[in-house]
Amino acid sequence: MANYYLASKTNLDEALKDEDQSIKTEERFDNLLNKSLILEAMGRKDDATAARNQALEKASAQQLYFYGRQLQGQKKQERAFAIYRSNAKKFPDYWTSHVGLARFYSGERATSTKPSRRCNPLSRACRMMQQVNLEKYVKRLQSKDDINR
């Protein structure tokens, strides 16, 4: 119900109560982030920032990446790039961190007149994905599992 109230910008007090109840049940990235959006819609910027920071602390590498993509869709490029950079620091060996860095470096190159000498993090992400997938196949083969299923 909280999402409905937030989308319609009505009953925000009720939306906040619903989200707080959800957080009491299980504190997660998505309900903390939603709480921050409700607080922002209520004009409570400091509380919204605190809830968003709490959400970002709980986020997985994949959640951070998709939150960055959401910010880009909202034309909040700089905030998205900050998320991608923090994701790479927090989860340096996760493939979405490298895809996010590729997006960051691509955006940085588009606005910079200096040539970039950085390695391509996207190619590293692809190599990491391939390695993970291959490792899964090796384990399945070792356990005599048919990898075609």
N, C-alpha and C. Protein backbone atom coordinates (compact mmCIF):
# COMPACT_ATOMS: atom_id res chain seq x y z
N MET A 1 0.82 -1.19 0.00
CA MET A 1 0.00 0.00 0.00
C MET A 1 0.87 1.26 0.00
N ALA A 2 2.02 1.17 0.66
CA ALA A 2 2.90 2.33 0.74
C ALA A 2 3.32 2.80 -0.65
N ASN A 3 3.60 1.86 -1.56
CA ASN A 3 3.98 2.24 -2.93
C ASN A 3 2.86 2.97 -3.64
N TYR A 4 1.63 2.53 -3.43
CA TYR A 4 0.47 3.19 -4.05
C TYR A 4 0.36 4.62 -3.54
N TYR A 5 0.45 4.79 -2.22
CA TYR A 5 0.35 6.14 -1.65
C TYR A 5 1.49 7.03 -2.16
N LEU A 6 2.67 6.47 -2.24
CA LEU A 6 3.82 7.25 -2.71
C LEU A 6 3.62 7.66 -4.16
N ALA A 7 3.20 6.72 -5.00
CA ALA A 7 3.00 7.02 -6.43
C ALA A 7 1.93 8.09 -6.63
N SER A 8 0.90 8.04 -5.81
CA SER A 8 -0.20 9.00 -5.96
C SER A 8 0.01 10.26 -5.12
N LYS A 9 1.09 10.28 -4.34
CA LYS A 9 1.42 11.41 -3.46
C LYS A 9 0.26 11.75 -2.52
N THR A 10 -0.41 10.71 -2.04
CA THR A 10 -1.50 10.88 -1.08
C THR A 10 -1.23 10.00 0.14
N ASN A 11 -1.84 10.38 1.25
CA ASN A 11 -1.72 9.58 2.48
C ASN A 11 -0.27 9.20 2.81
N LEU A 12 0.62 10.16 2.69
CA LEU A 12 2.03 9.87 2.92
C LEU A 12 2.31 9.47 4.37
N ASP A 13 1.53 10.00 5.31
CA ASP A 13 1.69 9.58 6.70
C ASP A 13 1.37 8.09 6.85
N GLU A 14 0.32 7.65 6.18
CA GLU A 14 -0.06 6.23 6.20
C GLU A 14 1.00 5.38 5.48
N ALA A 15 1.52 5.91 4.38
CA ALA A 15 2.58 5.20 3.65
C ALA A 15 3.80 5.01 4.55
N LEU A 16 4.15 6.04 5.29
CA LEU A 16 5.30 5.96 6.19
C LEU A 16 5.05 4.92 7.30
N LYS A 17 3.86 4.89 7.84
CA LYS A 17 3.51 3.89 8.85
C LYS A 17 3.63 2.48 8.28
N ASP A 18 3.11 2.29 7.06
CA ASP A 18 3.19 0.98 6.41
C ASP A 18 4.64 0.56 6.20
N GLU A 19 5.45 1.51 5.75
CA GLU A 19 6.86 1.18 5.48
C GLU A 19 7.61 0.90 6.78
N ASP A 20 7.30 1.66 7.83
CA ASP A 20 7.93 1.40 9.12
C ASP A 20 7.57 0.01 9.64
N GLN A 21 6.33 -0.41 9.41
CA GLN A 21 5.91 -1.75 9.82
C GLN A 21 6.68 -2.82 9.04
N SER A 22 6.87 -2.58 7.76
CA SER A 22 7.64 -3.50 6.93
C SER A 22 9.08 -3.60 7.44
N ILE A 23 9.65 -2.47 7.81
CA ILE A 23 11.02 -2.43 8.32
C ILE A 23 11.12 -3.17 9.65
N LYS A 24 10.10 -3.04 10.50
CA LYS A 24 10.10 -3.77 11.78
C LYS A 24 10.08 -5.28 11.54
N THR A 25 9.37 -5.69 10.50
CA THR A 25 9.29 -7.11 10.18
C THR A 25 10.62 -7.62 9.66
N GLU A 26 11.20 -6.90 8.71
CA GLU A 26 12.51 -7.27 8.15
C GLU A 26 13.12 -6.03 7.50
N GLU A 27 14.20 -5.55 8.08
CA GLU A 27 14.88 -4.38 7.55
C GLU A 27 15.70 -4.78 6.33
N ARG A 28 15.33 -4.22 5.17
CA ARG A 28 15.98 -4.55 3.90
C ARG A 28 16.26 -3.27 3.11
N PHE A 29 17.09 -3.43 2.10
CA PHE A 29 17.41 -2.31 1.20
C PHE A 29 16.14 -1.69 0.62
N ASP A 30 15.25 -2.52 0.08
CA ASP A 30 14.11 -1.97 -0.65
C ASP A 30 13.13 -1.22 0.25
N ASN A 31 12.85 -1.72 1.45
CA ASN A 31 11.90 -0.97 2.27
C ASN A 31 12.54 0.27 2.89
N LEU A 32 13.84 0.23 3.16
CA LEU A 32 14.52 1.44 3.64
C LEU A 32 14.60 2.50 2.55
N LEU A 33 14.87 2.07 1.32
CA LEU A 33 14.92 3.03 0.21
C LEU A 33 13.53 3.63 -0.03
N ASN A 34 12.51 2.79 0.03
CA ASN A 34 11.15 3.28 -0.15
C ASN A 34 10.79 4.29 0.95
N LYS A 35 11.23 4.01 2.17
CA LYS A 35 11.00 4.96 3.26
C LYS A 35 11.65 6.30 2.95
N SER A 36 12.86 6.25 2.41
CA SER A 36 13.56 7.51 2.07
C SER A 36 12.78 8.29 1.01
N LEU A 37 12.18 7.59 0.05
CA LEU A 37 11.39 8.26 -0.99
C LEU A 37 10.13 8.89 -0.41
N ILE A 38 9.51 8.20 0.53
CA ILE A 38 8.32 8.75 1.19
C ILE A 38 8.69 10.00 1.98
N LEU A 39 9.77 9.90 2.75
CA LEU A 39 10.23 11.06 3.53
C LEU A 39 10.59 12.23 2.64
N GLU A 40 11.19 11.95 1.50
CA GLU A 40 11.53 13.01 0.54
C GLU A 40 10.25 13.66 0.01
N ALA A 41 9.26 12.86 -0.30
CA ALA A 41 7.98 13.39 -0.80
C ALA A 41 7.28 14.23 0.27
N MET A 42 7.55 13.93 1.54
CA MET A 42 6.97 14.69 2.65
C MET A 42 7.77 15.97 2.93
N GLY A 43 8.88 16.15 2.23
CA GLY A 43 9.72 17.33 2.44
C GLY A 43 10.69 17.19 3.60
N ARG A 44 10.88 15.99 4.10
CA ARG A 44 11.77 15.74 5.23
C ARG A 44 13.12 15.26 4.69
N LYS A 45 13.86 16.18 4.11
CA LYS A 45 15.10 15.86 3.38
C LYS A 45 16.16 15.19 4.25
N ASP A 46 16.39 15.70 5.46
CA ASP A 46 17.43 15.11 6.32
C ASP A 46 17.08 13.68 6.70
N ASP A 47 15.82 13.44 7.06
CA ASP A 47 15.38 12.09 7.40
C ASP A 47 15.47 11.17 6.17
N ALA A 48 15.14 11.72 5.01
CA ALA A 48 15.20 10.95 3.77
C ALA A 48 16.65 10.54 3.48
N THR A 49 17.58 11.45 3.67
CA THR A 49 18.99 11.15 3.44
C THR A 49 19.48 10.07 4.40
N ALA A 50 19.07 10.17 5.66
CA ALA A 50 19.49 9.16 6.65
C ALA A 50 18.93 7.78 6.28
N ALA A 51 17.67 7.71 5.86
CA ALA A 51 17.07 6.43 5.47
C ALA A 51 17.73 5.88 4.21
N ARG A 52 18.03 6.76 3.24
CA ARG A 52 18.70 6.31 2.01
C ARG A 52 20.09 5.76 2.32
N ASN A 53 20.83 6.45 3.19
CA ASN A 53 22.17 5.97 3.56
C ASN A 53 22.10 4.62 4.26
N GLN A 54 21.10 4.45 5.09
CA GLN A 54 20.90 3.17 5.77
C GLN A 54 20.58 2.08 4.74
N ALA A 55 19.76 2.41 3.75
CA ALA A 55 19.42 1.46 2.69
C ALA A 55 20.67 1.07 1.91
N LEU A 56 21.48 2.05 1.56
CA LEU A 56 22.68 1.78 0.76
C LEU A 56 23.67 0.89 1.51
N GLU A 57 23.70 1.00 2.84
CA GLU A 57 24.56 0.13 3.64
C GLU A 57 24.11 -1.33 3.55
N LYS A 58 22.83 -1.56 3.42
CA LYS A 58 22.28 -2.92 3.37
C LYS A 58 22.27 -3.51 1.96
N ALA A 59 22.49 -2.69 0.96
CA ALA A 59 22.33 -3.11 -0.43
C ALA A 59 23.40 -4.11 -0.86
N SER A 60 22.98 -5.03 -1.72
CA SER A 60 23.92 -5.95 -2.37
C SER A 60 24.52 -5.24 -3.58
N ALA A 61 25.51 -5.86 -4.19
CA ALA A 61 26.13 -5.29 -5.39
C ALA A 61 25.10 -5.11 -6.51
N GLN A 62 24.25 -6.09 -6.66
CA GLN A 62 23.23 -6.01 -7.71
C GLN A 62 22.21 -4.92 -7.41
N GLN A 63 21.79 -4.79 -6.17
CA GLN A 63 20.84 -3.74 -5.80
C GLN A 63 21.44 -2.36 -6.03
N LEU A 64 22.70 -2.19 -5.68
CA LEU A 64 23.35 -0.89 -5.92
C LEU A 64 23.41 -0.58 -7.40
N TYR A 65 23.76 -1.58 -8.20
CA TYR A 65 23.84 -1.36 -9.64
C TYR A 65 22.48 -0.94 -10.20
N PHE A 66 21.44 -1.66 -9.85
CA PHE A 66 20.11 -1.33 -10.39
C PHE A 66 19.57 -0.02 -9.83
N TYR A 67 19.96 0.34 -8.62
CA TYR A 67 19.60 1.65 -8.10
C TYR A 67 20.30 2.75 -8.92
N GLY A 68 21.56 2.52 -9.26
CA GLY A 68 22.27 3.46 -10.14
C GLY A 68 21.57 3.61 -11.48
N ARG A 69 21.13 2.49 -12.04
CA ARG A 69 20.41 2.53 -13.32
C ARG A 69 19.10 3.31 -13.18
N GLN A 70 18.41 3.12 -12.05
CA GLN A 70 17.18 3.86 -11.80
C GLN A 70 17.47 5.36 -11.74
N LEU A 71 18.54 5.73 -11.07
CA LEU A 71 18.92 7.14 -11.00
C LEU A 71 19.23 7.69 -12.39
N GLN A 72 19.90 6.89 -13.21
CA GLN A 72 20.18 7.35 -14.58
C GLN A 72 18.89 7.57 -15.35
N GLY A 73 17.92 6.69 -15.16
CA GLY A 73 16.63 6.84 -15.82
C GLY A 73 15.91 8.10 -15.38
N GLN A 74 16.21 8.56 -14.17
CA GLN A 74 15.63 9.80 -13.64
C GLN A 74 16.49 11.01 -13.97
N LYS A 75 17.47 10.81 -14.85
CA LYS A 75 18.39 11.88 -15.28
C LYS A 75 19.24 12.43 -14.12
N LYS A 76 19.56 11.57 -13.16
CA LYS A 76 20.40 11.94 -12.03
C LYS A 76 21.76 11.27 -12.20
N GLN A 77 22.45 11.66 -13.25
CA GLN A 77 23.70 11.04 -13.68
C GLN A 77 24.76 11.06 -12.59
N GLU A 78 24.99 12.20 -11.98
CA GLU A 78 26.06 12.32 -10.98
C GLU A 78 25.81 11.42 -9.78
N ARG A 79 24.56 11.36 -9.33
CA ARG A 79 24.23 10.47 -8.20
C ARG A 79 24.44 9.01 -8.60
N ALA A 80 24.05 8.68 -9.83
CA ALA A 80 24.23 7.31 -10.31
C ALA A 80 25.72 6.96 -10.35
N PHE A 81 26.54 7.87 -10.86
CA PHE A 81 27.97 7.62 -10.94
C PHE A 81 28.57 7.44 -9.54
N ALA A 82 28.08 8.20 -8.57
CA ALA A 82 28.56 8.05 -7.19
C ALA A 82 28.20 6.65 -6.66
N ILE A 83 27.03 6.16 -7.00
CA ILE A 83 26.60 4.82 -6.60
C ILE A 83 27.51 3.78 -7.24
N TYR A 84 27.80 3.94 -8.54
CA TYR A 84 28.68 2.98 -9.24
C TYR A 84 30.06 2.94 -8.61
N ARG A 85 30.60 4.12 -8.27
CA ARG A 85 31.93 4.16 -7.66
C ARG A 85 31.91 3.50 -6.28
N SER A 86 30.87 3.78 -5.49
CA SER A 86 30.82 3.17 -4.15
C SER A 86 30.61 1.66 -4.25
N ASN A 87 29.85 1.22 -5.25
CA ASN A 87 29.63 -0.21 -5.46
C ASN A 87 30.96 -0.91 -5.75
N ALA A 88 31.78 -0.28 -6.56
CA ALA A 88 33.08 -0.87 -6.91
C ALA A 88 34.00 -0.95 -5.69
N LYS A 89 33.90 0.02 -4.79
CA LYS A 89 34.73 -0.01 -3.57
C LYS A 89 34.21 -1.08 -2.61
N LYS A 90 32.89 -1.16 -2.49
CA LYS A 90 32.29 -2.09 -1.53
C LYS A 90 32.34 -3.54 -2.03
N PHE A 91 32.16 -3.73 -3.33
CA PHE A 91 32.12 -5.07 -3.94
C PHE A 91 33.09 -5.11 -5.14
N PRO A 92 34.39 -5.06 -4.91
CA PRO A 92 35.34 -4.97 -6.03
C PRO A 92 35.38 -6.19 -6.94
N ASP A 93 34.93 -7.33 -6.46
CA ASP A 93 35.03 -8.55 -7.27
C ASP A 93 33.69 -9.01 -7.83
N TYR A 94 32.71 -8.15 -7.82
CA TYR A 94 31.39 -8.53 -8.32
C TYR A 94 31.20 -7.91 -9.70
N TRP A 95 30.65 -8.67 -10.64
CA TRP A 95 30.59 -8.22 -12.03
C TRP A 95 29.77 -6.95 -12.22
N THR A 96 28.69 -6.77 -11.44
CA THR A 96 27.88 -5.56 -11.63
C THR A 96 28.66 -4.30 -11.24
N SER A 97 29.61 -4.45 -10.34
CA SER A 97 30.46 -3.32 -9.98
C SER A 97 31.24 -2.84 -11.20
N HIS A 98 31.72 -3.78 -11.99
CA HIS A 98 32.52 -3.43 -13.17
C HIS A 98 31.64 -2.90 -14.30
N VAL A 99 30.44 -3.40 -14.42
CA VAL A 99 29.51 -2.85 -15.42
C VAL A 99 29.18 -1.40 -15.03
N GLY A 100 28.96 -1.16 -13.75
CA GLY A 100 28.70 0.21 -13.28
C GLY A 100 29.87 1.13 -13.55
N LEU A 101 31.10 0.63 -13.30
CA LEU A 101 32.29 1.44 -13.59
C LEU A 101 32.40 1.73 -15.09
N ALA A 102 32.04 0.74 -15.90
CA ALA A 102 32.07 0.98 -17.35
C ALA A 102 31.11 2.11 -17.71
N ARG A 103 29.93 2.11 -17.10
CA ARG A 103 28.98 3.20 -17.34
C ARG A 103 29.54 4.53 -16.86
N PHE A 104 30.18 4.52 -15.69
CA PHE A 104 30.78 5.74 -15.16
C PHE A 104 31.86 6.26 -16.09
N TYR A 105 32.81 5.40 -16.47
CA TYR A 105 33.91 5.83 -17.33
C TYR A 105 33.40 6.28 -18.69
N SER A 106 32.39 5.62 -19.19
CA SER A 106 31.81 6.02 -20.47
C SER A 106 31.22 7.42 -20.36
N GLY A 107 30.50 7.68 -19.29
CA GLY A 107 29.93 9.02 -19.07
C GLY A 107 30.99 10.06 -18.83
N GLU A 108 32.04 9.67 -18.12
CA GLU A 108 33.14 10.58 -17.84
C GLU A 108 33.84 10.96 -19.14
N ARG A 109 34.07 9.98 -20.03
CA ARG A 109 34.71 10.26 -21.31
C ARG A 109 33.85 11.17 -22.18
N ALA A 110 32.54 10.98 -22.10
CA ALA A 110 31.64 11.77 -22.94
C ALA A 110 31.67 13.25 -22.56
N THR A 111 32.02 13.54 -21.29
CA THR A 111 32.02 14.93 -20.85
C THR A 111 33.43 15.49 -20.67
N SER A 112 34.45 14.68 -20.93
CA SER A 112 35.82 15.11 -20.73
C SER A 112 36.53 15.29 -22.06
N THR A 113 37.44 16.26 -22.09
CA THR A 113 38.25 16.46 -23.28
C THR A 113 39.55 15.68 -23.20
N LYS A 114 39.88 15.15 -22.00
CA LYS A 114 41.11 14.37 -21.82
C LYS A 114 40.86 12.92 -22.22
N PRO A 115 41.81 12.31 -22.92
CA PRO A 115 41.65 10.89 -23.24
C PRO A 115 41.77 10.04 -21.98
N SER A 116 40.97 9.00 -21.89
CA SER A 116 41.00 8.12 -20.73
C SER A 116 41.98 6.98 -20.97
N ARG A 117 42.79 6.67 -19.95
CA ARG A 117 43.75 5.57 -20.06
C ARG A 117 43.36 4.41 -19.16
N ARG A 118 42.13 4.44 -18.67
CA ARG A 118 41.68 3.36 -17.79
C ARG A 118 41.41 2.09 -18.59
N CYS A 119 41.55 0.95 -17.90
CA CYS A 119 41.21 -0.31 -18.54
C CYS A 119 39.69 -0.39 -18.69
N ASN A 120 39.24 -1.26 -19.52
CA ASN A 120 37.81 -1.40 -19.76
C ASN A 120 37.21 -2.30 -18.69
N PRO A 121 36.48 -1.72 -17.71
CA PRO A 121 35.92 -2.55 -16.66
C PRO A 121 34.82 -3.47 -17.18
N LEU A 122 34.21 -3.12 -18.28
CA LEU A 122 33.17 -3.98 -18.83
C LEU A 122 33.76 -5.30 -19.30
N SER A 123 34.93 -5.27 -19.92
CA SER A 123 35.55 -6.52 -20.35
C SER A 123 35.93 -7.37 -19.13
N ARG A 124 36.33 -6.73 -18.05
CA ARG A 124 36.63 -7.48 -16.82
C ARG A 124 35.35 -8.10 -16.27
N ALA A 125 34.24 -7.36 -16.32
CA ALA A 125 32.97 -7.90 -15.84
C ALA A 125 32.56 -9.11 -16.66
N CYS A 126 32.74 -9.05 -17.96
CA CYS A 126 32.39 -10.19 -18.82
C CYS A 126 33.26 -11.40 -18.50
N ARG A 127 34.55 -11.17 -18.29
CA ARG A 127 35.44 -12.28 -17.93
C ARG A 127 35.02 -12.90 -16.61
N MET A 128 34.64 -12.05 -15.65
CA MET A 128 34.22 -12.55 -14.35
C MET A 128 32.93 -13.37 -14.48
N MET A 129 31.99 -12.89 -15.28
CA MET A 129 30.74 -13.62 -15.47
C MET A 129 31.01 -14.97 -16.11
N GLN A 130 31.88 -14.99 -17.11
CA GLN A 130 32.21 -16.25 -17.78
C GLN A 130 32.86 -17.22 -16.80
N GLN A 131 33.76 -16.72 -15.98
CA GLN A 131 34.44 -17.57 -15.01
C GLN A 131 33.45 -18.17 -14.03
N VAL A 132 32.53 -17.35 -13.53
CA VAL A 132 31.52 -17.84 -12.58
C VAL A 132 30.67 -18.92 -13.24
N ASN A 133 30.22 -18.66 -14.46
CA ASN A 133 29.39 -19.64 -15.16
C ASN A 133 30.15 -20.93 -15.43
N LEU A 134 31.41 -20.81 -15.84
CA LEU A 134 32.21 -22.00 -16.09
C LEU A 134 32.45 -22.79 -14.81
N GLU A 135 32.69 -22.10 -13.71
CA GLU A 135 32.89 -22.79 -12.44
C GLU A 135 31.64 -23.57 -12.03
N LYS A 136 30.48 -23.01 -12.30
CA LYS A 136 29.23 -23.71 -11.99
C LYS A 136 29.13 -24.99 -12.82
N TYR A 137 29.50 -24.89 -14.10
CA TYR A 137 29.46 -26.08 -14.96
C TYR A 137 30.44 -27.15 -14.49
N VAL A 138 31.63 -26.74 -14.10
CA VAL A 138 32.63 -27.69 -13.64
C VAL A 138 32.12 -28.43 -12.40
N LYS A 139 31.55 -27.70 -11.46
CA LYS A 139 31.01 -28.33 -10.25
C LYS A 139 29.89 -29.30 -10.59
N ARG A 140 29.03 -28.91 -11.52
CA ARG A 140 27.93 -29.80 -11.91
C ARG A 140 28.47 -31.06 -12.59
N LEU A 141 29.48 -30.89 -13.44
CA LEU A 141 30.07 -32.05 -14.11
C LEU A 141 30.75 -32.98 -13.10
N GLN A 142 31.44 -32.39 -12.12
CA GLN A 142 32.11 -33.20 -11.11
C GLN A 142 31.12 -34.01 -10.29
N SER A 143 29.91 -33.48 -10.13
CA SER A 143 28.90 -34.21 -9.38
C SER A 143 28.05 -35.10 -10.31
N LYS A 144 28.53 -35.26 -11.55
CA LYS A 144 27.89 -36.11 -12.56
C LYS A 144 26.48 -35.63 -12.91
N ASP A 145 26.30 -34.32 -12.87
CA ASP A 145 25.02 -33.71 -13.24
C ASP A 145 25.05 -33.34 -14.72
N ASP A 146 23.96 -33.52 -15.39
CA ASP A 146 23.85 -33.16 -16.81
C ASP A 146 23.71 -31.65 -16.94
N ILE A 147 24.71 -31.00 -17.51
CA ILE A 147 24.67 -29.54 -17.62
C ILE A 147 23.72 -29.05 -18.71
N ASN A 148 23.13 -29.96 -19.46
CA ASN A 148 22.18 -29.58 -20.50
C ASN A 148 20.76 -29.40 -19.95
N ARG A 149 20.55 -29.71 -18.72
CA ARG A 149 19.23 -29.53 -18.11
C ARG A 149 19.12 -28.26 -17.36
